[in-house]
Amino acid sequence: MRIRILGKYWTFRFVPNLGKNRGTCGHPESPEKQILVGQGLRGEALLEVVIHEVLHAANWHLDEEFVTEFASDVARILRHKQIWKRITDGEESK
Protein backbone atom coordinates (compact mmCIF):
# COMPACT_ATOMS: atom_id res chain seq x y z
CA MET A 1 0.00 0.00 0.00
CA ARG A 2 1.08 3.58 -0.45
CA ILE A 3 1.36 5.77 2.66
CA ARG A 4 2.36 9.37 3.24
CA ILE A 5 4.65 10.47 6.07
CA LEU A 6 5.46 14.17 6.40
CA GLY A 7 4.63 14.81 2.76
CA LYS A 8 6.71 11.94 1.37
CA TYR A 9 5.24 8.77 -0.08
CA TRP A 10 6.39 5.31 0.90
CA THR A 11 5.50 1.80 -0.19
CA PHE A 12 4.43 -0.16 2.89
CA ARG A 13 4.49 -3.95 2.53
CA PHE A 14 4.21 -7.03 4.69
CA VAL A 15 6.91 -9.50 3.73
CA PRO A 16 7.56 -13.12 4.75
CA ASN A 17 11.23 -12.91 5.70
CA LEU A 18 13.37 -10.04 6.95
CA GLY A 19 16.08 -12.20 8.46
CA LYS A 20 16.72 -11.18 12.06
CA ASN A 21 14.70 -7.95 11.66
CA ARG A 22 11.00 -7.53 12.34
CA GLY A 23 10.82 -4.46 10.10
CA THR A 24 12.94 -2.14 8.02
CA CYS A 25 12.73 1.36 6.60
CA GLY A 26 14.57 2.57 3.54
CA HIS A 27 16.33 5.94 3.44
CA PRO A 28 13.82 8.80 3.12
CA GLU A 29 15.68 10.32 0.15
CA SER A 30 15.54 7.07 -1.83
CA PRO A 31 13.35 7.43 -4.94
CA GLU A 32 11.60 4.12 -4.14
CA LYS A 33 11.14 4.42 -0.38
CA GLN A 34 9.84 1.30 1.33
CA ILE A 35 8.79 0.26 4.80
CA LEU A 36 8.79 -3.52 5.15
CA VAL A 37 7.21 -5.35 8.09
CA GLY A 38 7.25 -9.06 8.87
CA GLN A 39 3.94 -10.57 7.82
CA GLY A 40 3.81 -12.92 10.82
CA LEU A 41 3.61 -10.10 13.36
CA ARG A 42 0.33 -9.56 15.20
CA GLY A 43 -1.03 -7.56 18.10
CA GLU A 44 1.25 -5.35 20.15
CA ALA A 45 4.39 -6.60 18.37
CA LEU A 46 2.98 -5.47 15.01
CA LEU A 47 1.89 -2.14 16.47
CA GLU A 48 5.35 -1.59 17.95
CA VAL A 49 7.16 -2.39 14.69
CA VAL A 50 4.88 -0.14 12.61
CA ILE A 51 5.43 2.76 15.04
CA HIS A 52 9.18 2.07 15.02
CA GLU A 53 9.54 2.08 11.24
CA VAL A 54 7.24 5.06 10.69
CA LEU A 55 9.25 7.03 13.25
CA HIS A 56 12.42 6.19 11.29
CA ALA A 57 10.71 7.42 8.12
CA ALA A 58 9.70 10.66 9.83
CA ASN A 59 13.14 11.32 11.30
CA TRP A 60 15.86 9.13 9.86
CA HIS A 61 18.54 10.53 12.16
CA LEU A 62 16.98 9.55 15.48
CA ASP A 63 19.04 7.22 17.63
CA GLU A 64 18.02 3.55 17.27
CA GLU A 65 17.77 3.09 21.03
CA PHE A 66 15.41 6.09 21.29
CA VAL A 67 13.23 4.84 18.41
CA THR A 68 13.03 1.34 19.93
CA GLU A 69 12.09 2.59 23.39
CA PHE A 70 9.62 5.17 22.08
CA ALA A 71 7.85 2.65 19.83
CA SER A 72 7.60 0.17 22.69
CA ASP A 73 6.17 2.79 25.05
CA VAL A 74 3.61 4.09 22.54
CA ALA A 75 2.47 0.58 21.58
CA ARG A 76 2.03 -0.32 25.25
CA ILE A 77 0.06 2.89 25.92
CA LEU A 78 -2.22 2.38 22.91
CA ARG A 79 -2.92 -1.20 23.98
CA HIS A 80 -4.29 -0.14 27.38
CA LYS A 81 -7.80 -1.53 27.51
CA GLN A 82 -9.45 1.88 27.92
CA ILE A 83 -7.61 3.35 24.95
CA TRP A 84 -7.67 0.28 22.66
CA LYS A 85 -11.43 -0.12 23.09
CA ARG A 86 -11.97 3.43 21.86
CA ILE A 87 -9.62 2.86 18.93
CA THR A 88 -11.26 -0.37 17.80
CA ASP A 89 -14.85 0.75 18.49
CA GLY A 90 -14.49 3.76 16.21
CA GLU A 91 -15.41 3.98 12.55
CA GLU A 92 -13.53 1.73 10.16
CA SER A 93 -10.26 3.07 8.81
CA LYS A 94 -10.11 4.27 5.20
PDB file of N, CA and C in Angstrom:
ATOM      1  N   MET A   1       0.841  -1.167   0.000  1.00  0.00           N
ATOM      2  CA  MET A   1       0.000   0.000   0.000  1.00  0.00           C
ATOM      3  C   MET A   1       0.890   1.235   0.000  1.00  0.00           C
ATOM      4  N   ARG A   2       0.338   2.328  -0.410  1.00  0.00           N
ATOM      5  CA  ARG A   2       1.084   3.581  -0.448  1.00  0.00           C
ATOM      6  C   ARG A   2       0.660   4.424   0.749  1.00  0.00           C
ATOM      7  N   ILE A   3       1.648   4.939   1.493  1.00  0.00           N
ATOM      8  CA  ILE A   3       1.359   5.772   2.659  1.00  0.00           C
ATOM      9  C   ILE A   3       2.148   7.068   2.561  1.00  0.00           C
ATOM     10  N   ARG A   4       1.666   8.086   3.245  1.00  0.00           N
ATOM     11  CA  ARG A   4       2.356   9.372   3.240  1.00  0.00           C
ATOM     12  C   ARG A   4       2.813   9.692   4.657  1.00  0.00           C
ATOM     13  N   ILE A   5       4.067  10.078   4.794  1.00  0.00           N
ATOM     14  CA  ILE A   5       4.648  10.468   6.072  1.00  0.00           C
ATOM     15  C   ILE A   5       5.370  11.791   5.852  1.00  0.00           C
ATOM     16  N   LEU A   6       4.882  12.824   6.501  1.00  0.00           N
ATOM     17  CA  LEU A   6       5.461  14.172   6.398  1.00  0.00           C
ATOM     18  C   LEU A   6       5.650  14.606   4.942  1.00  0.00           C
ATOM     19  N   GLY A   7       4.632  14.349   4.148  1.00  0.00           N
ATOM     20  CA  GLY A   7       4.629  14.805   2.763  1.00  0.00           C
ATOM     21  C   GLY A   7       5.392  13.940   1.779  1.00  0.00           C
ATOM     22  N   LYS A   8       5.996  12.854   2.256  1.00  0.00           N
ATOM     23  CA  LYS A   8       6.715  11.939   1.365  1.00  0.00           C
ATOM     24  C   LYS A   8       5.952  10.630   1.289  1.00  0.00           C
ATOM     25  N   TYR A   9       5.967  10.025   0.124  1.00  0.00           N
ATOM     26  CA  TYR A   9       5.242   8.774  -0.081  1.00  0.00           C
ATOM     27  C   TYR A   9       6.171   7.579   0.016  1.00  0.00           C
ATOM     28  N   TRP A  10       5.661   6.540   0.658  1.00  0.00           N
ATOM     29  CA  TRP A  10       6.390   5.306   0.901  1.00  0.00           C
ATOM     30  C   TRP A  10       5.534   4.130   0.430  1.00  0.00           C
ATOM     31  N   THR A  11       6.191   3.072   0.029  1.00  0.00           N
ATOM     32  CA  THR A  11       5.503   1.805  -0.193  1.00  0.00           C
ATOM     33  C   THR A  11       5.621   1.014   1.103  1.00  0.00           C
ATOM     34  N   PHE A  12       4.483   0.616   1.646  1.00  0.00           N
ATOM     35  CA  PHE A  12       4.434  -0.164   2.885  1.00  0.00           C
ATOM     36  C   PHE A  12       3.994  -1.567   2.511  1.00  0.00           C
ATOM     37  N   ARG A  13       4.810  -2.561   2.890  1.00  0.00           N
ATOM     38  CA  ARG A  13       4.487  -3.947   2.530  1.00  0.00           C
ATOM     39  C   ARG A  13       4.761  -4.886   3.690  1.00  0.00           C
ATOM     40  N   PHE A  14       3.937  -5.908   3.790  1.00  0.00           N
ATOM     41  CA  PHE A  14       4.206  -7.027   4.691  1.00  0.00           C
ATOM     42  C   PHE A  14       4.973  -8.058   3.882  1.00  0.00           C
ATOM     43  N   VAL A  15       6.073  -8.551   4.446  1.00  0.00           N
ATOM     44  CA  VAL A  15       6.913  -9.502   3.728  1.00  0.00           C
ATOM     45  C   VAL A  15       7.183 -10.721   4.606  1.00  0.00           C
ATOM     46  N   PRO A  16       7.414 -11.883   3.979  1.00  0.00           N
ATOM     47  CA  PRO A  16       7.561 -13.123   4.748  1.00  0.00           C
ATOM     48  C   PRO A  16       8.860 -13.252   5.524  1.00  0.00           C
ATOM     49  N   ASN A  17       9.948 -12.660   5.033  1.00  0.00           N
ATOM     50  CA  ASN A  17      11.228 -12.909   5.698  1.00  0.00           C
ATOM     51  C   ASN A  17      12.114 -11.673   5.660  1.00  0.00           C
ATOM     52  N   LEU A  18      12.447 -11.177   6.841  1.00  0.00           N
ATOM     53  CA  LEU A  18      13.366 -10.040   6.945  1.00  0.00           C
ATOM     54  C   LEU A  18      14.624 -10.438   7.698  1.00  0.00           C
ATOM     55  N   GLY A  19      14.919 -11.724   7.717  1.00  0.00           N
ATOM     56  CA  GLY A  19      16.079 -12.202   8.462  1.00  0.00           C
ATOM     57  C   GLY A  19      15.870 -11.995   9.945  1.00  0.00           C
ATOM     58  N   LYS A  20      16.831 -11.389  10.613  1.00  0.00           N
ATOM     59  CA  LYS A  20      16.717 -11.180  12.060  1.00  0.00           C
ATOM     60  C   LYS A  20      15.862  -9.962  12.408  1.00  0.00           C
ATOM     61  N   ASN A  21      15.499  -9.158  11.420  1.00  0.00           N
ATOM     62  CA  ASN A  21      14.699  -7.955  11.662  1.00  0.00           C
ATOM     63  C   ASN A  21      13.213  -8.248  11.633  1.00  0.00           C
ATOM     64  N   ARG A  22      12.459  -7.443  12.376  1.00  0.00           N
ATOM     65  CA  ARG A  22      10.997  -7.532  12.335  1.00  0.00           C
ATOM     66  C   ARG A  22      10.427  -6.506  11.366  1.00  0.00           C
ATOM     67  N   GLY A  23      11.232  -5.492  11.032  1.00  0.00           N
ATOM     68  CA  GLY A  23      10.820  -4.455  10.105  1.00  0.00           C
ATOM     69  C   GLY A  23      12.036  -3.705   9.621  1.00  0.00           C
ATOM     70  N   THR A  24      11.849  -2.940   8.549  1.00  0.00           N
ATOM     71  CA  THR A  24      12.941  -2.136   8.016  1.00  0.00           C
ATOM     72  C   THR A  24      12.358  -0.935   7.280  1.00  0.00           C
ATOM     73  N   CYS A  25      13.141   0.128   7.257  1.00  0.00           N
ATOM     74  CA  CYS A  25      12.729   1.360   6.602  1.00  0.00           C
ATOM     75  C   CYS A  25      13.864   1.842   5.720  1.00  0.00           C
ATOM     76  N   GLY A  26      13.561   2.058   4.450  1.00  0.00           N
ATOM     77  CA  GLY A  26      14.572   2.574   3.536  1.00  0.00           C
ATOM     78  C   GLY A  26      14.843   4.046   3.783  1.00  0.00           C
ATOM     79  N   HIS A  27      15.941   4.542   3.271  1.00  0.00           N
ATOM     80  CA  HIS A  27      16.332   5.937   3.440  1.00  0.00           C
ATOM     81  C   HIS A  27      15.259   6.860   2.854  1.00  0.00           C
ATOM     82  N   PRO A  28      14.900   7.919   3.573  1.00  0.00           N
ATOM     83  CA  PRO A  28      13.820   8.799   3.119  1.00  0.00           C
ATOM     84  C   PRO A  28      14.113   9.565   1.831  1.00  0.00           C
ATOM     85  N   GLU A  29      15.362   9.632   1.404  1.00  0.00           N
ATOM     86  CA  GLU A  29      15.682  10.316   0.146  1.00  0.00           C
ATOM     87  C   GLU A  29      15.743   9.343  -1.037  1.00  0.00           C
ATOM     88  N   SER A  30      15.545   8.069  -0.762  1.00  0.00           N
ATOM     89  CA  SER A  30      15.539   7.075  -1.829  1.00  0.00           C
ATOM     90  C   SER A  30      14.324   7.315  -2.733  1.00  0.00           C
ATOM     91  N   PRO A  31      14.497   7.204  -4.041  1.00  0.00           N
ATOM     92  CA  PRO A  31      13.354   7.426  -4.939  1.00  0.00           C
ATOM     93  C   PRO A  31      12.248   6.367  -4.775  1.00  0.00           C
ATOM     94  N   GLU A  32      12.599   5.183  -4.318  1.00  0.00           N
ATOM     95  CA  GLU A  32      11.605   4.115  -4.145  1.00  0.00           C
ATOM     96  C   GLU A  32      11.579   3.702  -2.678  1.00  0.00           C
ATOM     97  N   LYS A  33      11.135   4.627  -1.829  1.00  0.00           N
ATOM     98  CA  LYS A  33      11.137   4.416  -0.382  1.00  0.00           C
ATOM     99  C   LYS A  33      10.187   3.289  -0.002  1.00  0.00           C
ATOM    100  N   GLN A  34      10.668   2.406   0.865  1.00  0.00           N
ATOM    101  CA  GLN A  34       9.836   1.298   1.332  1.00  0.00           C
ATOM    102  C   GLN A  34       9.937   1.144   2.846  1.00  0.00           C
ATOM    103  N   ILE A  35       8.821   0.740   3.424  1.00  0.00           N
ATOM    104  CA  ILE A  35       8.789   0.257   4.799  1.00  0.00           C
ATOM    105  C   ILE A  35       8.310  -1.180   4.694  1.00  0.00           C
ATOM    106  N   LEU A  36       9.119  -2.100   5.209  1.00  0.00           N
ATOM    107  CA  LEU A  36       8.790  -3.518   5.151  1.00  0.00           C
ATOM    108  C   LEU A  36       8.597  -4.024   6.574  1.00  0.00           C
ATOM    109  N   VAL A  37       7.537  -4.806   6.774  1.00  0.00           N
ATOM    110  CA  VAL A  37       7.210  -5.345   8.093  1.00  0.00           C
ATOM    111  C   VAL A  37       6.948  -6.841   7.942  1.00  0.00           C
ATOM    112  N   GLY A  38       7.445  -7.613   8.900  1.00  0.00           N
ATOM    113  CA  GLY A  38       7.247  -9.063   8.871  1.00  0.00           C
ATOM    114  C   GLY A  38       5.775  -9.429   8.896  1.00  0.00           C
ATOM    115  N   GLN A  39       5.359 -10.248   7.956  1.00  0.00           N
ATOM    116  CA  GLN A  39       3.937 -10.574   7.822  1.00  0.00           C
ATOM    117  C   GLN A  39       3.408 -11.442   8.957  1.00  0.00           C
ATOM    118  N   GLY A  40       4.266 -12.076   9.722  1.00  0.00           N
ATOM    119  CA  GLY A  40       3.809 -12.921  10.825  1.00  0.00           C
ATOM    120  C   GLY A  40       3.511 -12.160  12.108  1.00  0.00           C
ATOM    121  N   LEU A  41       3.835 -10.879  12.140  1.00  0.00           N
ATOM    122  CA  LEU A  41       3.614 -10.103  13.365  1.00  0.00           C
ATOM    123  C   LEU A  41       2.128  -9.830  13.574  1.00  0.00           C
ATOM    124  N   ARG A  42       1.720  -9.844  14.836  1.00  0.00           N
ATOM    125  CA  ARG A  42       0.333  -9.561  15.201  1.00  0.00           C
ATOM    126  C   ARG A  42       0.326  -8.784  16.508  1.00  0.00           C
ATOM    127  N   GLY A  43      -0.810  -8.188  16.806  1.00  0.00           N
ATOM    128  CA  GLY A  43      -1.032  -7.556  18.098  1.00  0.00           C
ATOM    129  C   GLY A  43      -0.036  -6.457  18.415  1.00  0.00           C
ATOM    130  N   GLU A  44       0.372  -6.411  19.682  1.00  0.00           N
ATOM    131  CA  GLU A  44       1.251  -5.346  20.150  1.00  0.00           C
ATOM    132  C   GLU A  44       2.603  -5.363  19.452  1.00  0.00           C
ATOM    133  N   ALA A  45       3.108  -6.535  19.082  1.00  0.00           N
ATOM    134  CA  ALA A  45       4.394  -6.604  18.365  1.00  0.00           C
ATOM    135  C   ALA A  45       4.285  -5.902  17.015  1.00  0.00           C
ATOM    136  N   LEU A  46       3.193  -6.126  16.305  1.00  0.00           N
ATOM    137  CA  LEU A  46       2.980  -5.468  15.015  1.00  0.00           C
ATOM    138  C   LEU A  46       2.850  -3.959  15.214  1.00  0.00           C
ATOM    139  N   LEU A  47       2.065  -3.555  16.188  1.00  0.00           N
ATOM    140  CA  LEU A  47       1.887  -2.135  16.473  1.00  0.00           C
ATOM    141  C   LEU A  47       3.232  -1.473  16.773  1.00  0.00           C
ATOM    142  N   GLU A  48       4.040  -2.122  17.580  1.00  0.00           N
ATOM    143  CA  GLU A  48       5.351  -1.588  17.946  1.00  0.00           C
ATOM    144  C   GLU A  48       6.262  -1.437  16.728  1.00  0.00           C
ATOM    145  N   VAL A  49       6.283  -2.435  15.864  1.00  0.00           N
ATOM    146  CA  VAL A  49       7.159  -2.386  14.685  1.00  0.00           C
ATOM    147  C   VAL A  49       6.687  -1.305  13.711  1.00  0.00           C
ATOM    148  N   VAL A  50       5.390  -1.179  13.510  1.00  0.00           N
ATOM    149  CA  VAL A  50       4.883  -0.137  12.611  1.00  0.00           C
ATOM    150  C   VAL A  50       5.257   1.246  13.152  1.00  0.00           C
ATOM    151  N   ILE A  51       5.047   1.478  14.436  1.00  0.00           N
ATOM    152  CA  ILE A  51       5.430   2.759  15.038  1.00  0.00           C
ATOM    153  C   ILE A  51       6.926   2.996  14.862  1.00  0.00           C
ATOM    154  N   HIS A  52       7.720   1.984  15.123  1.00  0.00           N
ATOM    155  CA  HIS A  52       9.179   2.075  15.018  1.00  0.00           C
ATOM    156  C   HIS A  52       9.608   2.496  13.608  1.00  0.00           C
ATOM    157  N   GLU A  53       9.101   1.807  12.612  1.00  0.00           N
ATOM    158  CA  GLU A  53       9.543   2.080  11.236  1.00  0.00           C
ATOM    159  C   GLU A  53       9.002   3.407  10.722  1.00  0.00           C
ATOM    160  N   VAL A  54       7.793   3.762  11.101  1.00  0.00           N
ATOM    161  CA  VAL A  54       7.237   5.056  10.692  1.00  0.00           C
ATOM    162  C   VAL A  54       8.022   6.197  11.346  1.00  0.00           C
ATOM    163  N   LEU A  55       8.434   6.011  12.584  1.00  0.00           N
ATOM    164  CA  LEU A  55       9.252   7.028  13.245  1.00  0.00           C
ATOM    165  C   LEU A  55      10.594   7.187  12.531  1.00  0.00           C
ATOM    166  N   HIS A  56      11.195   6.090  12.088  1.00  0.00           N
ATOM    167  CA  HIS A  56      12.423   6.190  11.285  1.00  0.00           C
ATOM    168  C   HIS A  56      12.158   6.978  10.001  1.00  0.00           C
ATOM    169  N   ALA A  57      11.037   6.707   9.362  1.00  0.00           N
ATOM    170  CA  ALA A  57      10.705   7.416   8.122  1.00  0.00           C
ATOM    171  C   ALA A  57      10.542   8.910   8.378  1.00  0.00           C
ATOM    172  N   ALA A  58       9.946   9.254   9.505  1.00  0.00           N
ATOM    173  CA  ALA A  58       9.697  10.656   9.830  1.00  0.00           C
ATOM    174  C   ALA A  58      10.975  11.389  10.211  1.00  0.00           C
ATOM    175  N   ASN A  59      11.893  10.695  10.871  1.00  0.00           N
ATOM    176  CA  ASN A  59      13.144  11.321  11.296  1.00  0.00           C
ATOM    177  C   ASN A  59      14.248  10.279  11.278  1.00  0.00           C
ATOM    178  N   TRP A  60      14.853  10.143  10.133  1.00  0.00           N
ATOM    179  CA  TRP A  60      15.859   9.128   9.857  1.00  0.00           C
ATOM    180  C   TRP A  60      17.032   9.173  10.832  1.00  0.00           C
ATOM    181  N   HIS A  61      17.339  10.344  11.365  1.00  0.00           N
ATOM    182  CA  HIS A  61      18.545  10.529  12.164  1.00  0.00           C
ATOM    183  C   HIS A  61      18.369  10.244  13.655  1.00  0.00           C
ATOM    184  N   LEU A  62      17.169   9.871  14.062  1.00  0.00           N
ATOM    185  CA  LEU A  62      16.977   9.553  15.478  1.00  0.00           C
ATOM    186  C   LEU A  62      17.775   8.313  15.863  1.00  0.00           C
ATOM    187  N   ASP A  63      18.275   8.324  17.074  1.00  0.00           N
ATOM    188  CA  ASP A  63      19.043   7.217  17.626  1.00  0.00           C
ATOM    189  C   ASP A  63      18.185   5.950  17.693  1.00  0.00           C
ATOM    190  N   GLU A  64      18.748   4.822  17.287  1.00  0.00           N
ATOM    191  CA  GLU A  64      18.021   3.549  17.265  1.00  0.00           C
ATOM    192  C   GLU A  64      17.469   3.182  18.641  1.00  0.00           C
ATOM    193  N   GLU A  65      18.232   3.407  19.680  1.00  0.00           N
ATOM    194  CA  GLU A  65      17.771   3.095  21.034  1.00  0.00           C
ATOM    195  C   GLU A  65      16.540   3.933  21.395  1.00  0.00           C
ATOM    196  N   PHE A  66      16.558   5.215  21.032  1.00  0.00           N
ATOM    197  CA  PHE A  66      15.407   6.086  21.288  1.00  0.00           C
ATOM    198  C   PHE A  66      14.184   5.592  20.535  1.00  0.00           C
ATOM    199  N   VAL A  67      14.349   5.292  19.241  1.00  0.00           N
ATOM    200  CA  VAL A  67      13.227   4.836  18.411  1.00  0.00           C
ATOM    201  C   VAL A  67      12.639   3.551  18.983  1.00  0.00           C
ATOM    202  N   THR A  68      13.485   2.617  19.383  1.00  0.00           N
ATOM    203  CA  THR A  68      13.026   1.343  19.932  1.00  0.00           C
ATOM    204  C   THR A  68      12.239   1.558  21.217  1.00  0.00           C
ATOM    205  N   GLU A  69      12.772   2.353  22.119  1.00  0.00           N
ATOM    206  CA  GLU A  69      12.092   2.591  23.394  1.00  0.00           C
ATOM    207  C   GLU A  69      10.790   3.371  23.200  1.00  0.00           C
ATOM    208  N   PHE A  70      10.813   4.377  22.341  1.00  0.00           N
ATOM    209  CA  PHE A  70       9.624   5.174  22.077  1.00  0.00           C
ATOM    210  C   PHE A  70       8.511   4.310  21.484  1.00  0.00           C
ATOM    211  N   ALA A  71       8.843   3.509  20.480  1.00  0.00           N
ATOM    212  CA  ALA A  71       7.846   2.652  19.834  1.00  0.00           C
ATOM    213  C   ALA A  71       7.249   1.667  20.830  1.00  0.00           C
ATOM    214  N   SER A  72       8.075   1.096  21.675  1.00  0.00           N
ATOM    215  CA  SER A  72       7.596   0.166  22.694  1.00  0.00           C
ATOM    216  C   SER A  72       6.644   0.860  23.664  1.00  0.00           C
ATOM    217  N   ASP A  73       7.014   2.045  24.110  1.00  0.00           N
ATOM    218  CA  ASP A  73       6.173   2.793  25.049  1.00  0.00           C
ATOM    219  C   ASP A  73       4.830   3.163  24.419  1.00  0.00           C
ATOM    220  N   VAL A  74       4.852   3.681  23.196  1.00  0.00           N
ATOM    221  CA  VAL A  74       3.612   4.094  22.537  1.00  0.00           C
ATOM    222  C   VAL A  74       2.707   2.885  22.277  1.00  0.00           C
ATOM    223  N   ALA A  75       3.273   1.784  21.820  1.00  0.00           N
ATOM    224  CA  ALA A  75       2.474   0.575  21.585  1.00  0.00           C
ATOM    225  C   ALA A  75       1.821   0.106  22.877  1.00  0.00           C
ATOM    226  N   ARG A  76       2.569   0.107  23.952  1.00  0.00           N
ATOM    227  CA  ARG A  76       2.026  -0.322  25.246  1.00  0.00           C
ATOM    228  C   ARG A  76       0.906   0.615  25.707  1.00  0.00           C
ATOM    229  N   ILE A  77       1.092   1.921  25.532  1.00  0.00           N
ATOM    230  CA  ILE A  77       0.062   2.891  25.917  1.00  0.00           C
ATOM    231  C   ILE A  77      -1.203   2.685  25.090  1.00  0.00           C
ATOM    232  N   LEU A  78      -1.056   2.551  23.781  1.00  0.00           N
ATOM    233  CA  LEU A  78      -2.220   2.385  22.912  1.00  0.00           C
ATOM    234  C   LEU A  78      -2.978   1.098  23.190  1.00  0.00           C
ATOM    235  N   ARG A  79      -2.277   0.082  23.701  1.00  0.00           N
ATOM    236  CA  ARG A  79      -2.920  -1.199  23.980  1.00  0.00           C
ATOM    237  C   ARG A  79      -3.605  -1.245  25.352  1.00  0.00           C
ATOM    238  N   HIS A  80      -3.519  -0.180  26.135  1.00  0.00           N
ATOM    239  CA  HIS A  80      -4.285  -0.144  27.383  1.00  0.00           C
ATOM    240  C   HIS A  80      -5.751  -0.338  27.042  1.00  0.00           C
ATOM    241  N   LYS A  81      -6.413  -1.151  27.802  1.00  0.00           N
ATOM    242  CA  LYS A  81      -7.799  -1.531  27.509  1.00  0.00           C
ATOM    243  C   LYS A  81      -8.692  -0.321  27.241  1.00  0.00           C
ATOM    244  N   GLN A  82      -8.585   0.707  28.067  1.00  0.00           N
ATOM    245  CA  GLN A  82      -9.454   1.878  27.919  1.00  0.00           C
ATOM    246  C   GLN A  82      -9.186   2.627  26.613  1.00  0.00           C
ATOM    247  N   ILE A  83      -7.952   2.658  26.193  1.00  0.00           N
ATOM    248  CA  ILE A  83      -7.608   3.347  24.947  1.00  0.00           C
ATOM    249  C   ILE A  83      -7.918   2.468  23.745  1.00  0.00           C
ATOM    250  N   TRP A  84      -7.495   1.195  23.795  1.00  0.00           N
ATOM    251  CA  TRP A  84      -7.672   0.284  22.657  1.00  0.00           C
ATOM    252  C   TRP A  84      -9.141   0.094  22.321  1.00  0.00           C
ATOM    253  N   LYS A  85      -9.999   0.038  23.335  1.00  0.00           N
ATOM    254  CA  LYS A  85     -11.431  -0.116  23.092  1.00  0.00           C
ATOM    255  C   LYS A  85     -11.959   1.063  22.286  1.00  0.00           C
ATOM    256  N   ARG A  86     -11.521   2.249  22.607  1.00  0.00           N
ATOM    257  CA  ARG A  86     -11.970   3.430  21.858  1.00  0.00           C
ATOM    258  C   ARG A  86     -11.414   3.428  20.433  1.00  0.00           C
ATOM    259  N   ILE A  87     -10.199   2.941  20.268  1.00  0.00           N
ATOM    260  CA  ILE A  87      -9.616   2.863  18.926  1.00  0.00           C
ATOM    261  C   ILE A  87     -10.386   1.868  18.066  1.00  0.00           C
ATOM    262  N   THR A  88     -10.636   0.692  18.600  1.00  0.00           N
ATOM    263  CA  THR A  88     -11.262  -0.373  17.803  1.00  0.00           C
ATOM    264  C   THR A  88     -12.769  -0.247  17.703  1.00  0.00           C
ATOM    265  N   ASP A  89     -13.400   0.534  18.578  1.00  0.00           N
ATOM    266  CA  ASP A  89     -14.850   0.746  18.486  1.00  0.00           C
ATOM    267  C   ASP A  89     -15.219   1.885  17.567  1.00  0.00           C
ATOM    268  N   GLY A  90     -14.231   2.620  17.073  1.00  0.00           N
ATOM    269  CA  GLY A  90     -14.490   3.760  16.212  1.00  0.00           C
ATOM    270  C   GLY A  90     -14.882   3.322  14.816  1.00  0.00           C
ATOM    271  N   GLU A  91     -15.059   4.294  13.938  1.00  0.00           N
ATOM    272  CA  GLU A  91     -15.414   3.979  12.547  1.00  0.00           C
ATOM    273  C   GLU A  91     -14.244   3.280  11.875  1.00  0.00           C
ATOM    274  N   GLU A  92     -14.556   2.489  10.890  1.00  0.00           N
ATOM    275  CA  GLU A  92     -13.535   1.730  10.165  1.00  0.00           C
ATOM    276  C   GLU A  92     -12.545   2.674   9.497  1.00  0.00           C
ATOM    277  N   SER A  93     -11.280   2.242   9.454  1.00  0.00           N
ATOM    278  CA  SER A  93     -10.262   3.074   8.807  1.00  0.00           C
ATOM    279  C   SER A  93     -10.466   3.072   7.300  1.00  0.00           C
ATOM    280  N   LYS A  94      -9.936   4.094   6.661  1.00  0.00           N
ATOM    281  CA  LYS A  94     -10.109   4.268   5.204  1.00  0.00           C
ATOM    282  C   LYS A  94      -9.155   3.401   4.446  1.00  0.00           C
TER     283      LYS A  94
END
